[in-house]
Amino acid sequence: MRTQMKLELADAQAMFDAAKNEADANAWAVSIAVVDEGGHPLLLSRLDGCASLYAEVALQKARSAVLAGKPTRAMEESINEGRAAFLSVPSLSATMTGGLPIERSSQLIGGIGASGVKPDQDEQIAQAGLEALPRT
């Protein structure tokens, strides 16, 4: 048997706070989501001024990143390079840049996603959140 690391609400909150700080520093109105290893939401917030749609997109970016075990940027690039069949994969509904898997000790433990601005900016916000989780 293997011991599985788990994200806790405090971890999700620390990641959200860092991601929000990045968004605020750039005056970006976005939604930010953190999910566990099964893609279930731990924290989801839509910042003031962000359109409602982006809350669901951020959640699905985080979920897609953890379920696929790779950044959603890789999925978007694959689709843009002609692998349209990737769009039919069940459970991956946001295969666009802005979602990152969360790994610790070689274990996939969650995902973080942001949505509401340009793709690289969404990913920048998610990366700031990812960097706030202590390495163990």
C-alpha atoms as a PDB file:
ATOM      1  CA  MET A   1       0.000   0.000   0.000  1.00  0.00           C
ATOM      2  CA  ARG A   2       1.054   3.532  -0.689  1.00  0.00           C
ATOM      3  CA  THR A   3       0.385   6.635   1.346  1.00  0.00           C
ATOM      4  CA  GLN A   4      -1.411   9.268  -0.720  1.00  0.00           C
ATOM      5  CA  MET A   5      -0.786  12.959  -0.119  1.00  0.00           C
ATOM      6  CA  LYS A   6      -3.961  15.074   0.000  1.00  0.00           C
ATOM      7  CA  LEU A   7      -4.631  18.745  -0.512  1.00  0.00           C
ATOM      8  CA  GLU A   8      -6.410  20.379   2.388  1.00  0.00           C
ATOM      9  CA  LEU A   9      -8.494  23.526   2.441  1.00  0.00           C
ATOM     10  CA  ALA A  10      -5.553  25.474   3.896  1.00  0.00           C
ATOM     11  CA  ASP A  11      -3.438  24.415   0.892  1.00  0.00           C
ATOM     12  CA  ALA A  12      -6.172  25.468  -1.527  1.00  0.00           C
ATOM     13  CA  GLN A  13      -6.546  28.785   0.292  1.00  0.00           C
ATOM     14  CA  ALA A  14      -2.798  29.520   0.136  1.00  0.00           C
ATOM     15  CA  MET A  15      -2.786  28.761  -3.574  1.00  0.00           C
ATOM     16  CA  PHE A  16      -5.883  30.856  -4.181  1.00  0.00           C
ATOM     17  CA  ASP A  17      -4.427  33.792  -2.234  1.00  0.00           C
ATOM     18  CA  ALA A  18      -1.239  33.758  -4.320  1.00  0.00           C
ATOM     19  CA  ALA A  19      -3.190  33.420  -7.573  1.00  0.00           C
ATOM     20  CA  LYS A  20      -5.520  36.249  -6.542  1.00  0.00           C
ATOM     21  CA  ASN A  21      -2.541  38.450  -5.653  1.00  0.00           C
ATOM     22  CA  GLU A  22      -1.151  37.859  -9.159  1.00  0.00           C
ATOM     23  CA  ALA A  23      -4.504  38.718 -10.723  1.00  0.00           C
ATOM     24  CA  ASP A  24      -4.915  41.814  -8.537  1.00  0.00           C
ATOM     25  CA  ALA A  25      -1.377  43.019  -9.296  1.00  0.00           C
ATOM     26  CA  ASN A  26      -2.285  43.008 -12.981  1.00  0.00           C
ATOM     27  CA  ALA A  27      -5.866  44.273 -12.563  1.00  0.00           C
ATOM     28  CA  TRP A  28      -7.243  41.034 -14.072  1.00  0.00           C
ATOM     29  CA  ALA A  29     -10.821  40.047 -13.206  1.00  0.00           C
ATOM     30  CA  VAL A  30     -10.756  36.246 -13.274  1.00  0.00           C
ATOM     31  CA  SER A  31     -12.103  33.114 -11.678  1.00  0.00           C
ATOM     32  CA  ILE A  32      -9.749  30.753  -9.852  1.00  0.00           C
ATOM     33  CA  ALA A  33     -10.375  27.106  -8.941  1.00  0.00           C
ATOM     34  CA  VAL A  34      -8.462  24.490  -6.966  1.00  0.00           C
ATOM     35  CA  VAL A  35      -9.529  20.825  -7.166  1.00  0.00           C
ATOM     36  CA  ASP A  36      -8.429  17.612  -5.447  1.00  0.00           C
ATOM     37  CA  GLU A  37      -6.938  14.524  -7.111  1.00  0.00           C
ATOM     38  CA  GLY A  38     -10.354  13.424  -8.350  1.00  0.00           C
ATOM     39  CA  GLY A  39     -11.176  16.810  -9.871  1.00  0.00           C
ATOM     40  CA  HIS A  40     -13.585  17.740  -7.079  1.00  0.00           C
ATOM     41  CA  PRO A  41     -13.660  21.427  -6.101  1.00  0.00           C
ATOM     42  CA  LEU A  42     -11.880  22.517  -2.956  1.00  0.00           C
ATOM     43  CA  LEU A  43     -12.116  26.226  -3.687  1.00  0.00           C
ATOM     44  CA  LEU A  44     -13.704  28.274  -6.442  1.00  0.00           C
ATOM     45  CA  SER A  45     -13.987  32.035  -6.541  1.00  0.00           C
ATOM     46  CA  ARG A  46     -15.065  34.530  -9.167  1.00  0.00           C
ATOM     47  CA  LEU A  47     -13.364  37.873  -8.575  1.00  0.00           C
ATOM     48  CA  ASP A  48     -15.325  41.089  -8.834  1.00  0.00           C
ATOM     49  CA  GLY A  49     -15.853  42.139 -12.428  1.00  0.00           C
ATOM     50  CA  CYS A  50     -15.371  38.647 -13.872  1.00  0.00           C
ATOM     51  CA  ALA A  51     -18.153  37.292 -16.080  1.00  0.00           C
ATOM     52  CA  SER A  52     -20.067  34.347 -14.625  1.00  0.00           C
ATOM     53  CA  LEU A  53     -19.043  31.976 -17.421  1.00  0.00           C
ATOM     54  CA  TYR A  54     -15.409  32.011 -16.313  1.00  0.00           C
ATOM     55  CA  ALA A  55     -16.162  30.406 -12.954  1.00  0.00           C
ATOM     56  CA  GLU A  56     -17.164  27.190 -14.727  1.00  0.00           C
ATOM     57  CA  VAL A  57     -14.263  27.447 -17.180  1.00  0.00           C
ATOM     58  CA  ALA A  58     -11.690  27.849 -14.365  1.00  0.00           C
ATOM     59  CA  LEU A  59     -13.151  24.832 -12.572  1.00  0.00           C
ATOM     60  CA  GLN A  60     -13.057  22.719 -15.713  1.00  0.00           C
ATOM     61  CA  LYS A  61      -9.478  23.803 -16.515  1.00  0.00           C
ATOM     62  CA  ALA A  62      -8.345  22.696 -13.044  1.00  0.00           C
ATOM     63  CA  ARG A  63     -10.302  19.458 -13.377  1.00  0.00           C
ATOM     64  CA  SER A  64      -8.965  18.701 -16.864  1.00  0.00           C
ATOM     65  CA  ALA A  65      -5.370  19.303 -15.706  1.00  0.00           C
ATOM     66  CA  VAL A  66      -5.605  16.828 -12.850  1.00  0.00           C
ATOM     67  CA  LEU A  67      -7.568  14.189 -14.747  1.00  0.00           C
ATOM     68  CA  ALA A  68      -5.128  14.276 -17.674  1.00  0.00           C
ATOM     69  CA  GLY A  69      -2.092  14.753 -15.450  1.00  0.00           C
ATOM     70  CA  LYS A  70      -0.703  17.542 -17.581  1.00  0.00           C
ATOM     71  CA  PRO A  71      -1.134  21.277 -18.175  1.00  0.00           C
ATOM     72  CA  THR A  72      -4.155  22.153 -20.256  1.00  0.00           C
ATOM     73  CA  ARG A  73      -1.782  24.089 -22.535  1.00  0.00           C
ATOM     74  CA  ALA A  74      -0.488  20.701 -23.780  1.00  0.00           C
ATOM     75  CA  MET A  75      -4.032  19.635 -24.642  1.00  0.00           C
ATOM     76  CA  GLU A  76      -4.785  22.888 -26.457  1.00  0.00           C
ATOM     77  CA  GLU A  77      -1.554  22.638 -28.436  1.00  0.00           C
ATOM     78  CA  SER A  78      -2.349  19.048 -29.398  1.00  0.00           C
ATOM     79  CA  ILE A  79      -5.785  20.094 -30.663  1.00  0.00           C
ATOM     80  CA  ASN A  80      -4.354  23.101 -32.523  1.00  0.00           C
ATOM     81  CA  GLU A  81      -1.814  20.816 -34.195  1.00  0.00           C
ATOM     82  CA  GLY A  82      -4.655  18.785 -35.690  1.00  0.00           C
ATOM     83  CA  ARG A  83      -5.469  16.200 -33.026  1.00  0.00           C
ATOM     84  CA  ALA A  84      -9.182  17.136 -33.040  1.00  0.00           C
ATOM     85  CA  ALA A  85     -10.117  13.697 -31.668  1.00  0.00           C
ATOM     86  CA  PHE A  86      -8.794  14.950 -28.315  1.00  0.00           C
ATOM     87  CA  LEU A  87     -11.976  17.047 -28.080  1.00  0.00           C
ATOM     88  CA  SER A  88     -14.020  13.856 -27.680  1.00  0.00           C
ATOM     89  CA  VAL A  89     -12.223  12.648 -24.532  1.00  0.00           C
ATOM     90  CA  PRO A  90     -14.853  12.231 -21.795  1.00  0.00           C
ATOM     91  CA  SER A  91     -14.443  14.385 -18.670  1.00  0.00           C
ATOM     92  CA  LEU A  92     -12.018  16.850 -20.282  1.00  0.00           C
ATOM     93  CA  SER A  93     -14.215  19.803 -21.081  1.00  0.00           C
ATOM     94  CA  ALA A  94     -11.709  22.660 -20.822  1.00  0.00           C
ATOM     95  CA  THR A  95      -8.733  21.746 -22.944  1.00  0.00           C
ATOM     96  CA  MET A  96      -7.448  25.302 -23.162  1.00  0.00           C
ATOM     97  CA  THR A  97      -4.470  27.020 -21.542  1.00  0.00           C
ATOM     98  CA  GLY A  98      -4.859  28.029 -17.896  1.00  0.00           C
ATOM     99  CA  GLY A  99      -5.033  24.755 -15.942  1.00  0.00           C
ATOM    100  CA  LEU A 100      -2.093  23.111 -14.169  1.00  0.00           C
ATOM    101  CA  PRO A 101      -1.777  19.793 -12.373  1.00  0.00           C
ATOM    102  CA  ILE A 102      -0.503  19.847  -8.781  1.00  0.00           C
ATOM    103  CA  GLU A 103       2.164  17.255  -8.031  1.00  0.00           C
ATOM    104  CA  ARG A 104       4.102  16.533  -4.867  1.00  0.00           C
ATOM    105  CA  SER A 105       6.491  13.645  -4.203  1.00  0.00           C
ATOM    106  CA  SER A 106       5.734  12.219  -7.660  1.00  0.00           C
ATOM    107  CA  GLN A 107       2.019  12.109  -6.845  1.00  0.00           C
ATOM    108  CA  LEU A 108      -0.763  13.915  -8.673  1.00  0.00           C
ATOM    109  CA  ILE A 109      -2.724  15.566  -5.863  1.00  0.00           C
ATOM    110  CA  GLY A 110      -4.887  18.203  -7.546  1.00  0.00           C
ATOM    111  CA  GLY A 111      -5.249  20.918 -10.132  1.00  0.00           C
ATOM    112  CA  ILE A 112      -5.508  24.693 -10.306  1.00  0.00           C
ATOM    113  CA  GLY A 113      -7.148  26.717 -13.033  1.00  0.00           C
ATOM    114  CA  ALA A 114      -7.785  30.344 -13.877  1.00  0.00           C
ATOM    115  CA  SER A 115      -9.988  31.910 -16.526  1.00  0.00           C
ATOM    116  CA  GLY A 116     -11.070  35.363 -17.593  1.00  0.00           C
ATOM    117  CA  VAL A 117      -8.134  36.943 -19.399  1.00  0.00           C
ATOM    118  CA  LYS A 118      -5.781  35.849 -22.211  1.00  0.00           C
ATOM    119  CA  PRO A 119      -4.621  32.214 -22.079  1.00  0.00           C
ATOM    120  CA  ASP A 120      -1.028  33.007 -21.092  1.00  0.00           C
ATOM    121  CA  GLN A 121      -2.312  35.342 -18.381  1.00  0.00           C
ATOM    122  CA  ASP A 122      -4.674  32.661 -17.050  1.00  0.00           C
ATOM    123  CA  GLU A 123      -1.719  30.269 -16.884  1.00  0.00           C
ATOM    124  CA  GLN A 124       0.436  32.938 -15.190  1.00  0.00           C
ATOM    125  CA  ILE A 125      -2.198  33.266 -12.460  1.00  0.00           C
ATOM    126  CA  ALA A 126      -2.443  29.487 -12.008  1.00  0.00           C
ATOM    127  CA  GLN A 127       1.353  29.216 -11.881  1.00  0.00           C
ATOM    128  CA  ALA A 128       1.511  31.834  -9.124  1.00  0.00           C
ATOM    129  CA  GLY A 129      -0.947  29.736  -7.140  1.00  0.00           C
ATOM    130  CA  LEU A 130       0.969  26.549  -7.787  1.00  0.00           C
ATOM    131  CA  GLU A 131       4.187  28.137  -6.534  1.00  0.00           C
ATOM    132  CA  ALA A 132       2.515  29.011  -3.211  1.00  0.00           C
ATOM    133  CA  LEU A 133       2.137  25.357  -2.233  1.00  0.00           C
ATOM    134  CA  PRO A 134       5.162  24.369  -0.167  1.00  0.00           C
ATOM    135  CA  ARG A 135       7.434  21.689  -1.633  1.00  0.00           C
ATOM    136  CA  THR A 136       7.671  18.570   0.489  1.00  0.00           C
END
